[in-house]
Amino acid sequence: MASVKKIKKARSKRFKRLFLLGSFSVIVIGLTTYTTLKYWMEIYSKYKENKQLSVELKKLKKKEAALKVDIGKMQDSDYIARYAREKYLYSKDGEFILSIK
């Protein structure tokens, strides 16, 4: 009978060890999975933000190019005079302005 008690005690210890090891493993796997998913979600949000900012950068570069062309045009005094006459309806002496819309 003493050997049956020793066997039961050994099984009990083995079961407790396996239970603790299993519980610890589940906790570690759970925390690892949570951390990994959290970082993947953060990476994905940064990826989407990067795409959006890339599109915005392209638009701003086009706008910058257009403004540089305008700066070049504004260096020409003939262009400025013509622009002022068209946009603000200025006229030269003896010139009549007809606005057609």
N, C-alpha and C. Protein backbone atom coordinates (compact mmCIF):
# COMPACT_ATOMS: atom_id res chain seq x y z
N MET A 1 0.80 -1.18 0.00
CA MET A 1 0.00 0.00 0.00
C MET A 1 0.85 1.26 0.00
N ALA A 2 1.99 1.13 0.58
CA ALA A 2 2.88 2.29 0.61
C ALA A 2 3.30 2.66 -0.80
N SER A 3 3.49 1.65 -1.64
CA SER A 3 3.91 1.92 -3.01
C SER A 3 2.78 2.58 -3.81
N VAL A 4 1.52 2.26 -3.51
CA VAL A 4 0.38 2.88 -4.20
C VAL A 4 0.31 4.35 -3.82
N LYS A 5 0.58 4.66 -2.54
CA LYS A 5 0.57 6.06 -2.10
C LYS A 5 1.69 6.83 -2.77
N LYS A 6 2.87 6.19 -2.90
CA LYS A 6 4.01 6.85 -3.55
C LYS A 6 3.69 7.11 -5.03
N ILE A 7 3.05 6.14 -5.67
CA ILE A 7 2.69 6.30 -7.08
C ILE A 7 1.68 7.43 -7.25
N LYS A 8 0.67 7.49 -6.35
CA LYS A 8 -0.34 8.55 -6.42
C LYS A 8 0.30 9.91 -6.16
N LYS A 9 1.24 9.94 -5.20
CA LYS A 9 1.93 11.18 -4.89
C LYS A 9 2.78 11.64 -6.08
N ALA A 10 3.45 10.68 -6.72
CA ALA A 10 4.28 11.00 -7.88
C ALA A 10 3.40 11.51 -9.03
N ARG A 11 2.26 10.87 -9.24
CA ARG A 11 1.33 11.32 -10.30
C ARG A 11 0.80 12.71 -9.98
N SER A 12 0.50 12.92 -8.71
CA SER A 12 -0.01 14.22 -8.29
C SER A 12 1.04 15.30 -8.54
N LYS A 13 2.29 15.03 -8.17
CA LYS A 13 3.36 15.99 -8.41
C LYS A 13 3.55 16.24 -9.90
N ARG A 14 3.52 15.17 -10.70
CA ARG A 14 3.68 15.29 -12.14
C ARG A 14 2.54 16.11 -12.73
N PHE A 15 1.31 15.85 -12.27
CA PHE A 15 0.15 16.59 -12.76
C PHE A 15 0.27 18.07 -12.41
N LYS A 16 0.71 18.37 -11.17
CA LYS A 16 0.87 19.77 -10.75
C LYS A 16 1.95 20.45 -11.60
N ARG A 17 3.05 19.74 -11.84
CA ARG A 17 4.13 20.30 -12.65
C ARG A 17 3.64 20.57 -14.08
N LEU A 18 2.94 19.60 -14.67
CA LEU A 18 2.42 19.78 -16.03
C LEU A 18 1.40 20.91 -16.09
N PHE A 19 0.57 20.99 -15.06
CA PHE A 19 -0.45 22.04 -15.01
C PHE A 19 0.23 23.42 -14.93
N LEU A 20 1.23 23.56 -14.07
CA LEU A 20 1.93 24.84 -13.95
C LEU A 20 2.69 25.17 -15.23
N LEU A 21 3.37 24.19 -15.79
CA LEU A 21 4.10 24.41 -17.04
C LEU A 21 3.14 24.76 -18.17
N GLY A 22 2.02 24.06 -18.26
CA GLY A 22 1.02 24.35 -19.29
C GLY A 22 0.42 25.73 -19.12
N SER A 23 0.10 26.10 -17.88
CA SER A 23 -0.47 27.42 -17.61
C SER A 23 0.53 28.51 -17.98
N PHE A 24 1.78 28.31 -17.57
CA PHE A 24 2.82 29.28 -17.89
C PHE A 24 2.99 29.40 -19.40
N SER A 25 2.98 28.28 -20.10
CA SER A 25 3.12 28.29 -21.56
C SER A 25 1.97 29.04 -22.22
N VAL A 26 0.75 28.80 -21.77
CA VAL A 26 -0.42 29.48 -22.33
C VAL A 26 -0.32 30.98 -22.10
N ILE A 27 0.12 31.38 -20.92
CA ILE A 27 0.25 32.81 -20.62
C ILE A 27 1.32 33.45 -21.51
N VAL A 28 2.45 32.80 -21.65
CA VAL A 28 3.53 33.34 -22.49
C VAL A 28 3.09 33.42 -23.94
N ILE A 29 2.45 32.39 -24.45
CA ILE A 29 1.96 32.40 -25.83
C ILE A 29 0.92 33.50 -26.02
N GLY A 30 0.03 33.66 -25.06
CA GLY A 30 -1.00 34.70 -25.14
C GLY A 30 -0.39 36.09 -25.17
N LEU A 31 0.56 36.34 -24.28
CA LEU A 31 1.20 37.66 -24.26
C LEU A 31 1.99 37.92 -25.54
N THR A 32 2.66 36.91 -26.03
CA THR A 32 3.42 37.05 -27.27
C THR A 32 2.48 37.35 -28.44
N THR A 33 1.38 36.64 -28.51
CA THR A 33 0.41 36.85 -29.58
C THR A 33 -0.18 38.26 -29.49
N TYR A 34 -0.54 38.69 -28.29
CA TYR A 34 -1.11 40.03 -28.10
C TYR A 34 -0.12 41.10 -28.54
N THR A 35 1.13 40.97 -28.11
CA THR A 35 2.15 41.95 -28.47
C THR A 35 2.38 41.98 -29.97
N THR A 36 2.45 40.81 -30.57
CA THR A 36 2.67 40.73 -32.02
C THR A 36 1.52 41.38 -32.78
N LEU A 37 0.29 41.07 -32.40
CA LEU A 37 -0.86 41.68 -33.08
C LEU A 37 -0.89 43.19 -32.89
N LYS A 38 -0.55 43.64 -31.70
CA LYS A 38 -0.53 45.08 -31.43
C LYS A 38 0.47 45.77 -32.35
N TYR A 39 1.66 45.21 -32.49
CA TYR A 39 2.65 45.83 -33.36
C TYR A 39 2.26 45.73 -34.82
N TRP A 40 1.65 44.63 -35.24
CA TRP A 40 1.20 44.52 -36.63
C TRP A 40 0.15 45.56 -36.94
N MET A 41 -0.76 45.81 -36.00
CA MET A 41 -1.79 46.84 -36.22
C MET A 41 -1.14 48.22 -36.31
N GLU A 42 -0.15 48.48 -35.49
CA GLU A 42 0.55 49.76 -35.54
C GLU A 42 1.30 49.91 -36.86
N ILE A 43 1.94 48.86 -37.30
CA ILE A 43 2.65 48.90 -38.59
C ILE A 43 1.68 49.15 -39.73
N TYR A 44 0.52 48.50 -39.70
CA TYR A 44 -0.48 48.68 -40.75
C TYR A 44 -1.00 50.12 -40.76
N SER A 45 -1.24 50.69 -39.59
CA SER A 45 -1.73 52.07 -39.55
C SER A 45 -0.66 53.03 -40.08
N LYS A 46 0.61 52.75 -39.79
CA LYS A 46 1.69 53.59 -40.32
C LYS A 46 1.79 53.42 -41.84
N TYR A 47 1.55 52.22 -42.34
CA TYR A 47 1.56 51.96 -43.78
C TYR A 47 0.46 52.78 -44.47
N LYS A 48 -0.75 52.78 -43.90
CA LYS A 48 -1.84 53.55 -44.49
C LYS A 48 -1.53 55.04 -44.44
N GLU A 49 -0.98 55.50 -43.33
CA GLU A 49 -0.63 56.91 -43.20
C GLU A 49 0.45 57.28 -44.22
N ASN A 50 1.39 56.39 -44.44
CA ASN A 50 2.45 56.62 -45.42
C ASN A 50 1.87 56.76 -46.83
N LYS A 51 0.91 55.90 -47.18
CA LYS A 51 0.27 55.99 -48.50
C LYS A 51 -0.44 57.33 -48.66
N GLN A 52 -1.17 57.72 -47.62
CA GLN A 52 -1.93 58.97 -47.67
C GLN A 52 -0.97 60.17 -47.80
N LEU A 53 0.11 60.15 -47.04
CA LEU A 53 1.05 61.25 -47.11
C LEU A 53 1.81 61.27 -48.43
N SER A 54 2.02 60.12 -49.04
CA SER A 54 2.66 60.06 -50.36
C SER A 54 1.78 60.73 -51.41
N VAL A 55 0.49 60.47 -51.35
CA VAL A 55 -0.45 61.10 -52.29
C VAL A 55 -0.45 62.62 -52.08
N GLU A 56 -0.48 63.03 -50.81
CA GLU A 56 -0.48 64.46 -50.50
C GLU A 56 0.82 65.11 -50.98
N LEU A 57 1.94 64.41 -50.82
CA LEU A 57 3.23 64.93 -51.27
C LEU A 57 3.24 65.14 -52.78
N LYS A 58 2.67 64.19 -53.54
CA LYS A 58 2.61 64.34 -55.00
C LYS A 58 1.80 65.57 -55.38
N LYS A 59 0.67 65.78 -54.70
CA LYS A 59 -0.16 66.95 -54.99
C LYS A 59 0.60 68.24 -54.69
N LEU A 60 1.30 68.25 -53.56
CA LEU A 60 2.04 69.46 -53.18
C LEU A 60 3.21 69.73 -54.13
N LYS A 61 3.83 68.67 -54.64
CA LYS A 61 4.92 68.87 -55.59
C LYS A 61 4.40 69.45 -56.90
N LYS A 62 3.21 68.99 -57.34
CA LYS A 62 2.60 69.56 -58.55
C LYS A 62 2.27 71.03 -58.34
N LYS A 63 1.73 71.33 -57.15
CA LYS A 63 1.39 72.72 -56.84
C LYS A 63 2.66 73.57 -56.79
N GLU A 64 3.72 73.03 -56.22
CA GLU A 64 4.99 73.75 -56.15
C GLU A 64 5.52 74.05 -57.56
N ALA A 65 5.43 73.06 -58.45
CA ALA A 65 5.90 73.26 -59.82
C ALA A 65 5.10 74.36 -60.51
N ALA A 66 3.77 74.36 -60.29
CA ALA A 66 2.93 75.40 -60.89
C ALA A 66 3.29 76.77 -60.33
N LEU A 67 3.56 76.84 -59.04
CA LEU A 67 3.92 78.12 -58.44
C LEU A 67 5.29 78.61 -58.94
N LYS A 68 6.20 77.69 -59.18
CA LYS A 68 7.50 78.08 -59.72
C LYS A 68 7.36 78.64 -61.13
N VAL A 69 6.45 78.05 -61.90
CA VAL A 69 6.18 78.58 -63.25
C VAL A 69 5.61 79.98 -63.12
N ASP A 70 4.69 80.18 -62.18
CA ASP A 70 4.10 81.51 -61.97
C ASP A 70 5.17 82.53 -61.54
N ILE A 71 6.10 82.09 -60.70
CA ILE A 71 7.18 82.99 -60.28
C ILE A 71 8.01 83.41 -61.49
N GLY A 72 8.29 82.46 -62.36
CA GLY A 72 9.03 82.78 -63.59
C GLY A 72 8.28 83.77 -64.46
N LYS A 73 6.98 83.59 -64.56
CA LYS A 73 6.17 84.51 -65.37
C LYS A 73 6.13 85.89 -64.75
N MET A 74 6.11 85.97 -63.43
CA MET A 74 6.01 87.27 -62.76
C MET A 74 7.30 88.08 -62.88
N GLN A 75 8.36 87.49 -63.36
CA GLN A 75 9.60 88.23 -63.59
C GLN A 75 9.52 89.06 -64.87
N ASP A 76 8.58 88.72 -65.75
CA ASP A 76 8.42 89.41 -67.03
C ASP A 76 7.43 90.57 -66.85
N SER A 77 7.88 91.79 -67.12
CA SER A 77 7.03 92.96 -66.91
C SER A 77 5.87 93.00 -67.90
N ASP A 78 6.06 92.51 -69.14
CA ASP A 78 4.96 92.48 -70.11
C ASP A 78 3.85 91.55 -69.65
N TYR A 79 4.24 90.44 -69.07
CA TYR A 79 3.23 89.50 -68.56
C TYR A 79 2.46 90.12 -67.41
N ILE A 80 3.14 90.82 -66.53
CA ILE A 80 2.47 91.44 -65.38
C ILE A 80 1.47 92.48 -65.86
N ALA A 81 1.84 93.27 -66.84
CA ALA A 81 0.93 94.29 -67.38
C ALA A 81 -0.29 93.64 -68.01
N ARG A 82 -0.06 92.61 -68.82
CA ARG A 82 -1.19 91.92 -69.46
C ARG A 82 -2.08 91.25 -68.41
N TYR A 83 -1.48 90.64 -67.40
CA TYR A 83 -2.24 89.99 -66.33
C TYR A 83 -3.11 90.98 -65.58
N ALA A 84 -2.54 92.14 -65.25
CA ALA A 84 -3.30 93.17 -64.54
C ALA A 84 -4.46 93.67 -65.38
N ARG A 85 -4.23 93.84 -66.68
CA ARG A 85 -5.33 94.30 -67.55
C ARG A 85 -6.45 93.27 -67.62
N GLU A 86 -6.09 91.99 -67.70
CA GLU A 86 -7.11 90.94 -67.83
C GLU A 86 -7.81 90.67 -66.49
N LYS A 87 -7.05 90.57 -65.46
CA LYS A 87 -7.61 90.15 -64.18
C LYS A 87 -8.34 91.29 -63.48
N TYR A 88 -7.74 92.47 -63.46
CA TYR A 88 -8.28 93.59 -62.69
C TYR A 88 -8.89 94.68 -63.56
N LEU A 89 -9.01 94.40 -64.85
CA LEU A 89 -9.65 95.29 -65.81
C LEU A 89 -8.99 96.67 -65.88
N TYR A 90 -7.66 96.70 -65.78
CA TYR A 90 -6.91 97.95 -65.99
C TYR A 90 -6.78 98.16 -67.49
N SER A 91 -6.65 99.41 -67.87
CA SER A 91 -6.52 99.69 -69.30
C SER A 91 -5.42 100.70 -69.55
N LYS A 92 -4.94 100.70 -70.77
CA LYS A 92 -3.97 101.71 -71.20
C LYS A 92 -4.76 102.95 -71.59
N ASP A 93 -4.06 104.03 -71.81
CA ASP A 93 -4.74 105.25 -72.24
C ASP A 93 -5.36 105.02 -73.62
N GLY A 94 -6.64 105.38 -73.75
CA GLY A 94 -7.34 105.27 -75.00
C GLY A 94 -7.84 103.85 -75.28
N GLU A 95 -7.77 102.98 -74.32
CA GLU A 95 -8.18 101.59 -74.50
C GLU A 95 -9.51 101.39 -73.79
N PHE A 96 -10.43 100.68 -74.45
CA PHE A 96 -11.73 100.39 -73.85
C PHE A 96 -11.76 98.93 -73.41
N ILE A 97 -12.40 98.69 -72.27
CA ILE A 97 -12.46 97.33 -71.73
C ILE A 97 -13.88 96.82 -71.89
N LEU A 98 -14.00 95.68 -72.53
CA LEU A 98 -15.29 95.00 -72.66
C LEU A 98 -15.18 93.67 -71.94
N SER A 99 -15.98 93.48 -70.95
CA SER A 99 -15.94 92.24 -70.18
C SER A 99 -17.03 91.31 -70.69
N ILE A 100 -16.65 90.18 -71.20
CA ILE A 100 -17.60 89.20 -71.73
C ILE A 100 -17.53 87.97 -70.84
N LYS A 101 -18.67 87.62 -70.31
CA LYS A 101 -18.70 86.44 -69.43
C LYS A 101 -19.69 85.43 -69.91
